[in-house]
């Protein structure tokens, strides 16, 4: 059964997928990045970063979304808004189980939005 995601292929869209199109545009922008002036370099890097984030979001939406919904369900919630309201009202205790879920969720989000940050934070320090 179709899940409605933008990355899912069906008979209507035979390819390339949204992720493949984003990757192609990103490759082009990376190829021309040395050809732009200094005044456009920042904007180009920002565009490349945005495309990379969107590509990772689309490429991971099913898995990350499932893990997120499963973690919420284990706490007894369907949405982030329900969990947030429960925390604000004091109904949801802030204990080790909740902290573990929130930490895992933050790491999943960072893995998509800024994977280098997660890699750096996981690397052993030279202290």
PDB file of N, CA and C in Angstrom:
ATOM      1  N   UNK A   1       0.846  -1.186   0.000  1.00  0.00           N
ATOM      2  CA  UNK A   1       0.000   0.000   0.000  1.00  0.00           C
ATOM      3  C   UNK A   1       0.886   1.242   0.000  1.00  0.00           C
ATOM      4  N   UNK A   2       0.594   2.216  -0.833  1.00  0.00           N
ATOM      5  CA  UNK A   2       1.407   3.430  -0.890  1.00  0.00           C
ATOM      6  C   UNK A   2       1.350   4.209   0.412  1.00  0.00           C
ATOM      7  N   UNK A   3       2.490   4.791   0.791  1.00  0.00           N
ATOM      8  CA  UNK A   3       2.527   5.584   2.026  1.00  0.00           C
ATOM      9  C   UNK A   3       2.432   7.077   1.752  1.00  0.00           C
ATOM     10  N   UNK A   4       2.362   7.478   0.483  1.00  0.00           N
ATOM     11  CA  UNK A   4       2.202   8.887   0.154  1.00  0.00           C
ATOM     12  C   UNK A   4       3.486   9.694   0.187  1.00  0.00           C
ATOM     13  N   UNK A   5       4.614   9.053   0.369  1.00  0.00           N
ATOM     14  CA  UNK A   5       5.867   9.797   0.463  1.00  0.00           C
ATOM     15  C   UNK A   5       6.323  10.247  -0.918  1.00  0.00           C
ATOM     16  N   UNK A   6       7.113  11.306  -0.942  1.00  0.00           N
ATOM     17  CA  UNK A   6       7.632  11.829  -2.199  1.00  0.00           C
ATOM     18  C   UNK A   6       8.697  10.932  -2.812  1.00  0.00           C
ATOM     19  N   UNK A   7       9.267  10.043  -2.011  1.00  0.00           N
ATOM     20  CA  UNK A   7      10.335   9.193  -2.516  1.00  0.00           C
ATOM     21  C   UNK A   7       9.792   7.885  -3.071  1.00  0.00           C
ATOM     22  N   UNK A   8       8.545   7.595  -2.821  1.00  0.00           N
ATOM     23  CA  UNK A   8       7.949   6.351  -3.277  1.00  0.00           C
ATOM     24  C   UNK A   8       7.712   6.417  -4.787  1.00  0.00           C
ATOM     25  N   UNK A   9       8.072   5.360  -5.489  1.00  0.00           N
ATOM     26  CA  UNK A   9       7.829   5.293  -6.926  1.00  0.00           C
ATOM     27  C   UNK A   9       6.485   4.630  -7.168  1.00  0.00           C
ATOM     28  N   UNK A  10       5.782   5.101  -8.161  1.00  0.00           N
ATOM     29  CA  UNK A  10       4.579   4.428  -8.610  1.00  0.00           C
ATOM     30  C   UNK A  10       4.551   4.497 -10.129  1.00  0.00           C
ATOM     31  N   UNK A  11       3.473   4.053 -10.734  1.00  0.00           N
ATOM     32  CA  UNK A  11       3.404   4.013 -12.185  1.00  0.00           C
ATOM     33  C   UNK A  11       3.349   5.394 -12.824  1.00  0.00           C
ATOM     34  N   UNK A  12       2.885   6.398 -12.097  1.00  0.00           N
ATOM     35  CA  UNK A  12       2.769   7.732 -12.656  1.00  0.00           C
ATOM     36  C   UNK A  12       4.142   8.376 -12.850  1.00  0.00           C
ATOM     37  N   UNK A  13       5.004   8.261 -11.845  1.00  0.00           N
ATOM     38  CA  UNK A  13       6.344   8.842 -11.911  1.00  0.00           C
ATOM     39  C   UNK A  13       7.350   7.703 -11.998  1.00  0.00           C
ATOM     40  N   UNK A  14       7.894   7.496 -13.191  1.00  0.00           N
ATOM     41  CA  UNK A  14       8.789   6.356 -13.381  1.00  0.00           C
ATOM     42  C   UNK A  14      10.242   6.692 -13.098  1.00  0.00           C
ATOM     43  N   UNK A  15      10.550   7.944 -12.863  1.00  0.00           N
ATOM     44  CA  UNK A  15      11.912   8.324 -12.518  1.00  0.00           C
ATOM     45  C   UNK A  15      12.339   9.519 -13.310  1.00  0.00           C
ATOM     46  N   UNK A  16      13.321  10.195 -12.921  1.00  0.00           N
ATOM     47  CA  UNK A  16      14.043  10.003 -11.662  1.00  0.00           C
ATOM     48  C   UNK A  16      13.205  10.420 -10.452  1.00  0.00           C
ATOM     49  N   UNK A  17      13.593   9.904  -9.311  1.00  0.00           N
ATOM     50  CA  UNK A  17      12.884  10.216  -8.067  1.00  0.00           C
ATOM     51  C   UNK A  17      13.237  11.624  -7.596  1.00  0.00           C
ATOM     52  N   UNK A  18      12.492  12.104  -6.629  1.00  0.00           N
ATOM     53  CA  UNK A  18      12.779  13.425  -6.053  1.00  0.00           C
ATOM     54  C   UNK A  18      14.199  13.472  -5.497  1.00  0.00           C
ATOM     55  N   UNK A  19      14.618  12.412  -4.837  1.00  0.00           N
ATOM     56  CA  UNK A  19      15.974  12.372  -4.273  1.00  0.00           C
ATOM     57  C   UNK A  19      17.014  12.407  -5.387  1.00  0.00           C
ATOM     58  N   UNK A  20      16.778  11.679  -6.466  1.00  0.00           N
ATOM     59  CA  UNK A  20      17.724  11.677  -7.584  1.00  0.00           C
ATOM     60  C   UNK A  20      17.807  13.059  -8.240  1.00  0.00           C
ATOM     61  N   UNK A  21      16.675  13.741  -8.365  1.00  0.00           N
ATOM     62  CA  UNK A  21      16.681  15.087  -8.933  1.00  0.00           C
ATOM     63  C   UNK A  21      17.440  16.060  -8.037  1.00  0.00           C
ATOM     64  N   UNK A  22      17.221  15.975  -6.750  1.00  0.00           N
ATOM     65  CA  UNK A  22      17.923  16.843  -5.800  1.00  0.00           C
ATOM     66  C   UNK A  22      19.423  16.579  -5.857  1.00  0.00           C
ATOM     67  N   UNK A  23      19.803  15.307  -5.917  1.00  0.00           N
ATOM     68  CA  UNK A  23      21.223  14.962  -6.018  1.00  0.00           C
ATOM     69  C   UNK A  23      21.842  15.536  -7.292  1.00  0.00           C
ATOM     70  N   UNK A  24      21.110  15.471  -8.417  1.00  0.00           N
ATOM     71  CA  UNK A  24      21.633  15.988  -9.685  1.00  0.00           C
ATOM     72  C   UNK A  24      21.845  17.497  -9.619  1.00  0.00           C
ATOM     73  N   UNK A  25      20.887  18.216  -9.055  1.00  0.00           N
ATOM     74  CA  UNK A  25      21.038  19.668  -8.925  1.00  0.00           C
ATOM     75  C   UNK A  25      22.205  19.989  -7.992  1.00  0.00           C
ATOM     76  N   UNK A  26      22.318  19.251  -6.893  1.00  0.00           N
ATOM     77  CA  UNK A  26      23.435  19.460  -5.970  1.00  0.00           C
ATOM     78  C   UNK A  26      24.783  19.225  -6.628  1.00  0.00           C
ATOM     79  N   UNK A  27      24.875  18.163  -7.441  1.00  0.00           N
ATOM     80  CA  UNK A  27      26.123  17.890  -8.162  1.00  0.00           C
ATOM     81  C   UNK A  27      26.469  19.049  -9.093  1.00  0.00           C
ATOM     82  N   UNK A  28      25.468  19.584  -9.796  1.00  0.00           N
ATOM     83  CA  UNK A  28      25.714  20.714 -10.690  1.00  0.00           C
ATOM     84  C   UNK A  28      26.212  21.924  -9.898  1.00  0.00           C
ATOM     85  N   UNK A  29      25.553  22.233  -8.796  1.00  0.00           N
ATOM     86  CA  UNK A  29      25.966  23.396  -7.996  1.00  0.00           C
ATOM     87  C   UNK A  29      27.370  23.229  -7.439  1.00  0.00           C
ATOM     88  N   UNK A  30      27.702  22.010  -7.000  1.00  0.00           N
ATOM     89  CA  UNK A  30      29.070  21.771  -6.520  1.00  0.00           C
ATOM     90  C   UNK A  30      30.088  21.922  -7.651  1.00  0.00           C
ATOM     91  N   UNK A  31      29.692  21.525  -8.863  1.00  0.00           N
ATOM     92  CA  UNK A  31      30.594  21.627 -10.014  1.00  0.00           C
ATOM     93  C   UNK A  31      30.887  23.075 -10.389  1.00  0.00           C
ATOM     94  N   UNK A  32      29.933  23.974 -10.174  1.00  0.00           N
ATOM     95  CA  UNK A  32      30.135  25.376 -10.576  1.00  0.00           C
ATOM     96  C   UNK A  32      30.531  26.267  -9.408  1.00  0.00           C
ATOM     97  N   UNK A  33      30.694  25.716  -8.228  1.00  0.00           N
ATOM     98  CA  UNK A  33      30.966  26.572  -7.070  1.00  0.00           C
ATOM     99  C   UNK A  33      32.251  27.365  -7.181  1.00  0.00           C
ATOM    100  N   UNK A  34      33.233  26.869  -7.906  1.00  0.00           N
ATOM    101  CA  UNK A  34      34.487  27.620  -8.081  1.00  0.00           C
ATOM    102  C   UNK A  34      34.379  28.688  -9.161  1.00  0.00           C
ATOM    103  N   UNK A  35      33.274  28.665  -9.898  1.00  0.00           N
ATOM    104  CA  UNK A  35      33.090  29.620 -10.992  1.00  0.00           C
ATOM    105  C   UNK A  35      32.298  30.854 -10.577  1.00  0.00           C
ATOM    106  N   UNK A  36      31.856  30.921  -9.345  1.00  0.00           N
ATOM    107  CA  UNK A  36      31.074  32.081  -8.903  1.00  0.00           C
ATOM    108  C   UNK A  36      31.979  33.044  -8.142  1.00  0.00           C
ATOM    109  N   UNK A  37      31.565  34.292  -8.122  1.00  0.00           N
ATOM    110  CA  UNK A  37      32.322  35.303  -7.401  1.00  0.00           C
ATOM    111  C   UNK A  37      32.149  35.146  -5.902  1.00  0.00           C
ATOM    112  N   UNK A  38      33.007  35.799  -5.170  1.00  0.00           N
ATOM    113  CA  UNK A  38      32.979  35.732  -3.715  1.00  0.00           C
ATOM    114  C   UNK A  38      31.648  36.212  -3.151  1.00  0.00           C
ATOM    115  N   UNK A  39      31.015  37.165  -3.836  1.00  0.00           N
ATOM    116  CA  UNK A  39      29.748  37.697  -3.349  1.00  0.00           C
ATOM    117  C   UNK A  39      28.614  36.673  -3.458  1.00  0.00           C
ATOM    118  N   UNK A  40      28.764  35.666  -4.321  1.00  0.00           N
ATOM    119  CA  UNK A  40      27.732  34.638  -4.475  1.00  0.00           C
ATOM    120  C   UNK A  40      28.114  33.313  -3.822  1.00  0.00           C
ATOM    121  N   UNK A  41      29.330  33.191  -3.360  1.00  0.00           N
ATOM    122  CA  UNK A  41      29.808  31.919  -2.811  1.00  0.00           C
ATOM    123  C   UNK A  41      29.004  31.489  -1.586  1.00  0.00           C
ATOM    124  N   UNK A  42      28.697  32.438  -0.702  1.00  0.00           N
ATOM    125  CA  UNK A  42      27.932  32.095   0.496  1.00  0.00           C
ATOM    126  C   UNK A  42      26.531  31.602   0.129  1.00  0.00           C
ATOM    127  N   UNK A  43      25.867  32.310  -0.781  1.00  0.00           N
ATOM    128  CA  UNK A  43      24.528  31.919  -1.198  1.00  0.00           C
ATOM    129  C   UNK A  43      24.533  30.548  -1.865  1.00  0.00           C
ATOM    130  N   UNK A  44      25.559  30.278  -2.659  1.00  0.00           N
ATOM    131  CA  UNK A  44      25.666  28.985  -3.322  1.00  0.00           C
ATOM    132  C   UNK A  44      25.869  27.873  -2.301  1.00  0.00           C
ATOM    133  N   UNK A  45      26.741  28.106  -1.324  1.00  0.00           N
ATOM    134  CA  UNK A  45      26.977  27.089  -0.287  1.00  0.00           C
ATOM    135  C   UNK A  45      25.696  26.844   0.522  1.00  0.00           C
ATOM    136  N   UNK A  46      24.950  27.910   0.792  1.00  0.00           N
ATOM    137  CA  UNK A  46      23.679  27.776   1.507  1.00  0.00           C
ATOM    138  C   UNK A  46      22.692  26.943   0.699  1.00  0.00           C
ATOM    139  N   UNK A  47      22.630  27.193  -0.612  1.00  0.00           N
ATOM    140  CA  UNK A  47      21.731  26.421  -1.481  1.00  0.00           C
ATOM    141  C   UNK A  47      22.132  24.945  -1.508  1.00  0.00           C
ATOM    142  N   UNK A  48      23.417  24.682  -1.596  1.00  0.00           N
ATOM    143  CA  UNK A  48      23.901  23.299  -1.601  1.00  0.00           C
ATOM    144  C   UNK A  48      23.542  22.617  -0.285  1.00  0.00           C
ATOM    145  N   UNK A  49      23.779  23.295   0.835  1.00  0.00           N
ATOM    146  CA  UNK A  49      23.439  22.723   2.140  1.00  0.00           C
ATOM    147  C   UNK A  49      21.939  22.439   2.251  1.00  0.00           C
ATOM    148  N   UNK A  50      21.115  23.368   1.769  1.00  0.00           N
ATOM    149  CA  UNK A  50      19.663  23.174   1.829  1.00  0.00           C
ATOM    150  C   UNK A  50      19.247  21.963   1.003  1.00  0.00           C
ATOM    151  N   UNK A  51      19.798  21.830  -0.191  1.00  0.00           N
ATOM    152  CA  UNK A  51      19.480  20.665  -1.025  1.00  0.00           C
ATOM    153  C   UNK A  51      19.919  19.363  -0.357  1.00  0.00           C
ATOM    154  N   UNK A  52      21.078  19.379   0.267  1.00  0.00           N
ATOM    155  CA  UNK A  52      21.560  18.170   0.945  1.00  0.00           C
ATOM    156  C   UNK A  52      20.630  17.782   2.090  1.00  0.00           C
ATOM    157  N   UNK A  53      20.156  18.759   2.850  1.00  0.00           N
ATOM    158  CA  UNK A  53      19.232  18.475   3.950  1.00  0.00           C
ATOM    159  C   UNK A  53      17.929  17.903   3.405  1.00  0.00           C
ATOM    160  N   UNK A  54      17.368  18.531   2.383  1.00  0.00           N
ATOM    161  CA  UNK A  54      16.111  18.043   1.803  1.00  0.00           C
ATOM    162  C   UNK A  54      16.299  16.635   1.250  1.00  0.00           C
ATOM    163  N   UNK A  55      17.414  16.388   0.579  1.00  0.00           N
ATOM    164  CA  UNK A  55      17.691  15.047   0.065  1.00  0.00           C
ATOM    165  C   UNK A  55      17.749  14.006   1.169  1.00  0.00           C
ATOM    166  N   UNK A  56      18.426  14.351   2.280  1.00  0.00           N
ATOM    167  CA  UNK A  56      18.490  13.403   3.407  1.00  0.00           C
ATOM    168  C   UNK A  56      17.121  13.214   4.043  1.00  0.00           C
ATOM    169  N   UNK A  57      16.332  14.295   4.134  1.00  0.00           N
ATOM    170  CA  UNK A  57      14.987  14.167   4.698  1.00  0.00           C
ATOM    171  C   UNK A  57      14.143  13.236   3.853  1.00  0.00           C
ATOM    172  N   UNK A  58      14.157  13.437   2.552  1.00  0.00           N
ATOM    173  CA  UNK A  58      13.363  12.585   1.664  1.00  0.00           C
ATOM    174  C   UNK A  58      13.873  11.151   1.671  1.00  0.00           C
ATOM    175  N   UNK A  59      15.191  10.988   1.693  1.00  0.00           N
ATOM    176  CA  UNK A  59      15.774   9.650   1.665  1.00  0.00           C
ATOM    177  C   UNK A  59      15.589   8.864   2.949  1.00  0.00           C
ATOM    178  N   UNK A  60      15.328   9.575   4.044  1.00  0.00           N
ATOM    179  CA  UNK A  60      15.196   8.909   5.350  1.00  0.00           C
ATOM    180  C   UNK A  60      13.811   9.045   5.959  1.00  0.00           C
ATOM    181  N   UNK A  61      12.877   9.675   5.240  1.00  0.00           N
ATOM    182  CA  UNK A  61      11.594  10.006   5.849  1.00  0.00           C
ATOM    183  C   UNK A  61      10.832   8.789   6.356  1.00  0.00           C
ATOM    184  N   UNK A  62      10.848   7.696   5.638  1.00  0.00           N
ATOM    185  CA  UNK A  62      10.085   6.528   6.041  1.00  0.00           C
ATOM    186  C   UNK A  62      10.671   5.909   7.305  1.00  0.00           C
ATOM    187  N   UNK A  63      11.981   5.651   7.297  1.00  0.00           N
ATOM    188  CA  UNK A  63      12.633   5.011   8.444  1.00  0.00           C
ATOM    189  C   UNK A  63      12.621   5.906   9.686  1.00  0.00           C
ATOM    190  N   UNK A  64      13.069   7.145   9.522  1.00  0.00           N
ATOM    191  CA  UNK A  64      13.149   8.062  10.660  1.00  0.00           C
ATOM    192  C   UNK A  64      11.756   8.373  11.193  1.00  0.00           C
ATOM    193  N   UNK A  65      10.804   8.577  10.292  1.00  0.00           N
ATOM    194  CA  UNK A  65       9.428   8.845  10.717  1.00  0.00           C
ATOM    195  C   UNK A  65       8.838   7.677  11.476  1.00  0.00           C
ATOM    196  N   UNK A  66       9.091   6.461  11.001  1.00  0.00           N
ATOM    197  CA  UNK A  66       8.592   5.266  11.697  1.00  0.00           C
ATOM    198  C   UNK A  66       9.206   5.154  13.090  1.00  0.00           C
ATOM    199  N   UNK A  67      10.509   5.363  13.183  1.00  0.00           N
ATOM    200  CA  UNK A  67      11.181   5.285  14.490  1.00  0.00           C
ATOM    201  C   UNK A  67      10.633   6.343  15.443  1.00  0.00           C
ATOM    202  N   UNK A  68      10.401   7.535  14.924  1.00  0.00           N
ATOM    203  CA  UNK A  68       9.878   8.620  15.750  1.00  0.00           C
ATOM    204  C   UNK A  68       8.470   8.292  16.249  1.00  0.00           C
ATOM    205  N   UNK A  69       7.597   7.846  15.329  1.00  0.00           N
ATOM    206  CA  UNK A  69       6.227   7.498  15.729  1.00  0.00           C
ATOM    207  C   UNK A  69       6.210   6.332  16.715  1.00  0.00           C
ATOM    208  N   UNK A  70       7.099   5.368  16.519  1.00  0.00           N
ATOM    209  CA  UNK A  70       7.181   4.231  17.426  1.00  0.00           C
ATOM    210  C   UNK A  70       7.606   4.676  18.826  1.00  0.00           C
ATOM    211  N   UNK A  71       8.585   5.566  18.902  1.00  0.00           N
ATOM    212  CA  UNK A  71       9.051   6.066  20.201  1.00  0.00           C
ATOM    213  C   UNK A  71       7.934   6.832  20.904  1.00  0.00           C
ATOM    214  N   UNK A  72       7.197   7.664  20.154  1.00  0.00           N
ATOM    215  CA  UNK A  72       6.061   8.381  20.752  1.00  0.00           C
ATOM    216  C   UNK A  72       5.012   7.404  21.254  1.00  0.00           C
ATOM    217  N   UNK A  73       4.717   6.391  20.446  1.00  0.00           N
ATOM    218  CA  UNK A  73       3.696   5.408  20.824  1.00  0.00           C
ATOM    219  C   UNK A  73       4.087   4.657  22.087  1.00  0.00           C
ATOM    220  N   UNK A  74       5.368   4.356  22.239  1.00  0.00           N
ATOM    221  CA  UNK A  74       5.828   3.663  23.447  1.00  0.00           C
ATOM    222  C   UNK A  74       5.600   4.505  24.692  1.00  0.00           C
ATOM    223  N   UNK A  75       5.596   5.827  24.514  1.00  0.00           N
ATOM    224  CA  UNK A  75       5.297   6.729  25.632  1.00  0.00           C
ATOM    225  C   UNK A  75       3.791   6.974  25.775  1.00  0.00           C
ATOM    226  N   UNK A  76       3.019   6.525  24.772  1.00  0.00           N
ATOM    227  CA  UNK A  76       1.572   6.684  24.822  1.00  0.00           C
ATOM    228  C   UNK A  76       1.033   7.899  24.087  1.00  0.00           C
ATOM    229  N   UNK A  77       1.795   8.417  23.123  1.00  0.00           N
ATOM    230  CA  UNK A  77       1.391   9.618  22.392  1.00  0.00           C
ATOM    231  C   UNK A  77       1.405   9.357  20.895  1.00  0.00           C
ATOM    232  N   UNK A  78       0.592  10.122  20.166  1.00  0.00           N
ATOM    233  CA  UNK A  78       0.557  10.023  18.710  1.00  0.00           C
ATOM    234  C   UNK A  78       1.355  11.127  18.039  1.00  0.00           C
ATOM    235  N   UNK A  79       1.480  12.273  18.695  1.00  0.00           N
ATOM    236  CA  UNK A  79       2.153  13.417  18.067  1.00  0.00           C
ATOM    237  C   UNK A  79       3.095  14.092  19.058  1.00  0.00           C
ATOM    238  N   UNK A  80       3.996  14.890  18.506  1.00  0.00           N
ATOM    239  CA  UNK A  80       4.887  15.707  19.337  1.00  0.00           C
ATOM    240  C   UNK A  80       4.073  16.697  20.165  1.00  0.00           C
ATOM    241  N   UNK A  81       3.011  17.232  19.561  1.00  0.00           N
ATOM    242  CA  UNK A  81       2.175  18.212  20.263  1.00  0.00           C
ATOM    243  C   UNK A  81       1.527  17.588  21.500  1.00  0.00           C
ATOM    244  N   UNK A  82       1.055  16.345  21.374  1.00  0.00           N
ATOM    245  CA  UNK A  82       0.472  15.656  22.537  1.00  0.00           C
ATOM    246  C   UNK A  82       1.511  15.480  23.641  1.00  0.00           C
ATOM    247  N   UNK A  83       2.700  15.059  23.257  1.00  0.00           N
ATOM    248  CA  UNK A  83       3.772  14.870  24.245  1.00  0.00           C
ATOM    249  C   UNK A  83       4.133  16.196  24.900  1.00  0.00           C
ATOM    250  N   UNK A  84       4.285  17.241  24.100  1.00  0.00           N
ATOM    251  CA  UNK A  84       4.648  18.554  24.642  1.00  0.00           C
ATOM    252  C   UNK A  84       3.594  19.057  25.621  1.00  0.00           C
ATOM    253  N   UNK A  85       2.324  18.903  25.256  1.00  0.00           N
ATOM    254  CA  UNK A  85       1.243  19.341  26.146  1.00  0.00           C
ATOM    255  C   UNK A  85       1.262  18.556  27.446  1.00  0.00           C
ATOM    256  N   UNK A  86       1.527  17.275  27.349  1.00  0.00           N
ATOM    257  CA  UNK A  86       1.574  16.431  28.535  1.00  0.00           C
ATOM    258  C   UNK A  86       2.730  16.815  29.456  1.00  0.00           C
ATOM    259  N   UNK A  87       3.858  17.180  28.873  1.00  0.00           N
ATOM    260  CA  UNK A  87       5.002  17.629  29.670  1.00  0.00           C
ATOM    261  C   UNK A  87       4.669  18.960  30.338  1.00  0.00           C
ATOM    262  N   UNK A  88       4.101  19.905  29.559  1.00  0.00           N
ATOM    263  CA  UNK A  88       3.755  21.225  30.114  1.00  0.00           C
ATOM    264  C   UNK A  88       2.753  21.117  31.260  1.00  0.00           C
ATOM    265  N   UNK A  89       1.804  20.210  31.122  1.00  0.00           N
ATOM    266  CA  UNK A  89       0.770  20.089  32.142  1.00  0.00           C
ATOM    267  C   UNK A  89       1.251  19.329  33.377  1.00  0.00           C
ATOM    268  N   UNK A  90       2.402  18.681  33.267  1.00  0.00           N
ATOM    269  CA  UNK A  90       2.926  17.903  34.380  1.00  0.00           C
ATOM    270  C   UNK A  90       2.432  16.468  34.384  1.00  0.00           C
ATOM    271  N   UNK A  91       1.605  16.108  33.409  1.00  0.00           N
ATOM    272  CA  UNK A  91       1.081  14.741  33.310  1.00  0.00           C
ATOM    273  C   UNK A  91       2.199  13.748  32.983  1.00  0.00           C
ATOM    274  N   UNK A  92       3.134  14.166  32.103  1.00  0.00           N
ATOM    275  CA  UNK A  92       4.258  13.318  31.718  1.00  0.00           C
ATOM    276  C   UNK A  92       5.468  13.667  32.586  1.00  0.00           C
ATOM    277  N   UNK A  93       5.882  12.685  33.392  1.00  0.00           N
ATOM    278  CA  UNK A  93       7.059  12.900  34.232  1.00  0.00           C
ATOM    279  C   UNK A  93       8.316  12.946  33.369  1.00  0.00           C
ATOM    280  N   UNK A  94       9.253  13.778  33.776  1.00  0.00           N
ATOM    281  CA  UNK A  94      10.526  13.856  33.065  1.00  0.00           C
ATOM    282  C   UNK A  94      11.492  12.913  33.773  1.00  0.00           C
ATOM    283  N   UNK A  95      11.487  11.682  33.292  1.00  0.00           N
ATOM    284  CA  UNK A  95      12.323  10.651  33.872  1.00  0.00           C
ATOM    285  C   UNK A  95      13.256  10.064  32.843  1.00  0.00           C
ATOM    286  N   UNK A  96      13.984   9.016  33.209  1.00  0.00           N
ATOM    287  CA  UNK A  96      14.984   8.418  32.316  1.00  0.00           C
ATOM    288  C   UNK A  96      14.404   7.930  30.988  1.00  0.00           C
ATOM    289  N   UNK A  97      13.180   7.375  31.007  1.00  0.00           N
ATOM    290  CA  UNK A  97      12.587   6.881  29.760  1.00  0.00           C
ATOM    291  C   UNK A  97      12.327   8.025  28.790  1.00  0.00           C
ATOM    292  N   UNK A  98      11.757   9.115  29.275  1.00  0.00           N
ATOM    293  CA  UNK A  98      11.478  10.263  28.424  1.00  0.00           C
ATOM    294  C   UNK A  98      12.772  10.884  27.913  1.00  0.00           C
ATOM    295  N   UNK A  99      13.744  11.045  28.787  1.00  0.00           N
ATOM    296  CA  UNK A  99      15.025  11.636  28.385  1.00  0.00           C
ATOM    297  C   UNK A  99      15.681  10.775  27.306  1.00  0.00           C
ATOM    298  N   UNK A 100      15.629   9.458  27.445  1.00  0.00           N
ATOM    299  CA  UNK A 100      16.215   8.567  26.440  1.00  0.00           C
ATOM    300  C   UNK A 100      15.517   8.728  25.091  1.00  0.00           C
ATOM    301  N   UNK A 101      14.191   8.810  25.097  1.00  0.00           N
ATOM    302  CA  UNK A 101      13.437   8.991  23.854  1.00  0.00           C
ATOM    303  C   UNK A 101      13.794  10.325  23.207  1.00  0.00           C
ATOM    304  N   UNK A 102      13.850  11.389  24.004  1.00  0.00           N
ATOM    305  CA  UNK A 102      14.160  12.711  23.460  1.00  0.00           C
ATOM    306  C   UNK A 102      15.588  12.780  22.916  1.00  0.00           C
ATOM    307  N   UNK A 103      16.534  12.139  23.600  1.00  0.00           N
ATOM    308  CA  UNK A 103      17.916  12.117  23.112  1.00  0.00           C
ATOM    309  C   UNK A 103      18.011  11.355  21.798  1.00  0.00           C
ATOM    310  N   UNK A 104      17.356  10.194  21.729  1.00  0.00           N
ATOM    311  CA  UNK A 104      17.369   9.414  20.488  1.00  0.00           C
ATOM    312  C   UNK A 104      16.735  10.201  19.348  1.00  0.00           C
ATOM    313  N   UNK A 105      15.632  10.886  19.642  1.00  0.00           N
ATOM    314  CA  UNK A 105      14.947  11.676  18.623  1.00  0.00           C
ATOM    315  C   UNK A 105      15.827  12.824  18.143  1.00  0.00           C
ATOM    316  N   UNK A 106      16.490  13.497  19.065  1.00  0.00           N
ATOM    317  CA  UNK A 106      17.384  14.596  18.682  1.00  0.00           C
ATOM    318  C   UNK A 106      18.515  14.078  17.799  1.00  0.00           C
ATOM    319  N   UNK A 107      19.060  12.913  18.129  1.00  0.00           N
ATOM    320  CA  UNK A 107      20.139  12.349  17.323  1.00  0.00           C
ATOM    321  C   UNK A 107      19.637  11.970  15.925  1.00  0.00           C
ATOM    322  N   UNK A 108      18.425  11.407  15.834  1.00  0.00           N
ATOM    323  CA  UNK A 108      17.854  11.088  14.519  1.00  0.00           C
ATOM    324  C   UNK A 108      17.697  12.353  13.686  1.00  0.00           C
ATOM    325  N   UNK A 109      17.191  13.397  14.290  1.00  0.00           N
ATOM    326  CA  UNK A 109      16.996  14.656  13.564  1.00  0.00           C
ATOM    327  C   UNK A 109      18.339  15.253  13.130  1.00  0.00           C
ATOM    328  N   UNK A 110      19.316  15.226  14.021  1.00  0.00           N
ATOM    329  CA  UNK A 110      20.638  15.762  13.674  1.00  0.00           C
ATOM    330  C   UNK A 110      21.320  14.934  12.594  1.00  0.00           C
ATOM    331  N   UNK A 111      21.089  13.635  12.592  1.00  0.00           N
ATOM    332  CA  UNK A 111      21.678  12.775  11.576  1.00  0.00           C
ATOM    333  C   UNK A 111      21.200  13.189  10.193  1.00  0.00           C
ATOM    334  N   UNK A 112      19.969  13.651  10.106  1.00  0.00           N
ATOM    335  CA  UNK A 112      19.425  14.124   8.828  1.00  0.00           C
ATOM    336  C   UNK A 112      19.853  15.558   8.557  1.00  0.00           C
ATOM    337  N   UNK A 113      19.696  16.432   9.539  1.00  0.00           N
ATOM    338  CA  UNK A 113      19.953  17.862   9.328  1.00  0.00           C
ATOM    339  C   UNK A 113      21.436  18.215   9.290  1.00  0.00           C
ATOM    340  N   UNK A 114      22.241  17.560  10.108  1.00  0.00           N
ATOM    341  CA  UNK A 114      23.661  17.908  10.198  1.00  0.00           C
ATOM    342  C   UNK A 114      24.483  16.679  10.592  1.00  0.00           C
ATOM    343  N   UNK A 115      24.634  15.728   9.672  1.00  0.00           N
ATOM    344  CA  UNK A 115      25.308  14.469  10.033  1.00  0.00           C
ATOM    345  C   UNK A 115      26.745  14.647  10.509  1.00  0.00           C
ATOM    346  N   UNK A 116      27.438  15.675  10.019  1.00  0.00           N
ATOM    347  CA  UNK A 116      28.819  15.886  10.471  1.00  0.00           C
ATOM    348  C   UNK A 116      28.872  16.234  11.952  1.00  0.00           C
ATOM    349  N   UNK A 117      27.857  16.920  12.459  1.00  0.00           N
ATOM    350  CA  UNK A 117      27.808  17.242  13.881  1.00  0.00           C
ATOM    351  C   UNK A 117      27.719  15.958  14.699  1.00  0.00           C
ATOM    352  N   UNK A 118      26.882  15.036  14.277  1.00  0.00           N
ATOM    353  CA  UNK A 118      26.722  13.770  14.999  1.00  0.00           C
ATOM    354  C   UNK A 118      28.017  12.976  14.930  1.00  0.00           C
ATOM    355  N   UNK A 119      28.652  12.949  13.743  1.00  0.00           N
ATOM    356  CA  UNK A 119      29.922  12.230  13.593  1.00  0.00           C
ATOM    357  C   UNK A 119      30.993  12.810  14.503  1.00  0.00           C
ATOM    358  N   UNK A 120      31.082  14.155  14.576  1.00  0.00           N
ATOM    359  CA  UNK A 120      32.091  14.797  15.439  1.00  0.00           C
ATOM    360  C   UNK A 120      31.822  14.517  16.898  1.00  0.00           C
ATOM    361  N   UNK A 121      30.548  14.562  17.295  1.00  0.00           N
ATOM    362  CA  UNK A 121      30.239  14.341  18.709  1.00  0.00           C
ATOM    363  C   UNK A 121      30.437  12.898  19.129  1.00  0.00           C
ATOM    364  N   UNK A 122      30.377  11.963  18.164  1.00  0.00           N
ATOM    365  CA  UNK A 122      30.572  10.550  18.470  1.00  0.00           C
ATOM    366  C   UNK A 122      32.039  10.151  18.440  1.00  0.00           C
ATOM    367  N   UNK A 123      32.886  10.964  17.811  1.00  0.00           N
ATOM    368  CA  UNK A 123      34.303  10.646  17.702  1.00  0.00           C
ATOM    369  C   UNK A 123      34.977  10.775  19.056  1.00  0.00           C
ATOM    370  N   UNK A 124      35.903   9.852  19.355  1.00  0.00           N
ATOM    371  CA  UNK A 124      36.636   9.953  20.621  1.00  0.00           C
ATOM    372  C   UNK A 124      37.483  11.217  20.655  1.00  0.00           C
ATOM    373  N   UNK A 125      37.530  11.830  21.802  1.00  0.00           N
ATOM    374  CA  UNK A 125      38.316  13.067  21.929  1.00  0.00           C
ATOM    375  C   UNK A 125      39.773  12.719  22.219  1.00  0.00           C
ATOM    376  N   UNK A 126      40.650  13.690  21.963  1.00  0.00           N
ATOM    377  CA  UNK A 126      42.090  13.485  22.178  1.00  0.00           C
ATOM    378  C   UNK A 126      42.539  14.074  23.516  1.00  0.00           C
ATOM    379  N   UNK A 127      41.635  14.133  24.480  1.00  0.00           N
ATOM    380  CA  UNK A 127      41.984  14.728  25.784  1.00  0.00           C
ATOM    381  C   UNK A 127      42.986  13.924  26.521  1.00  0.00           C
TER     382      UNK A 127
END
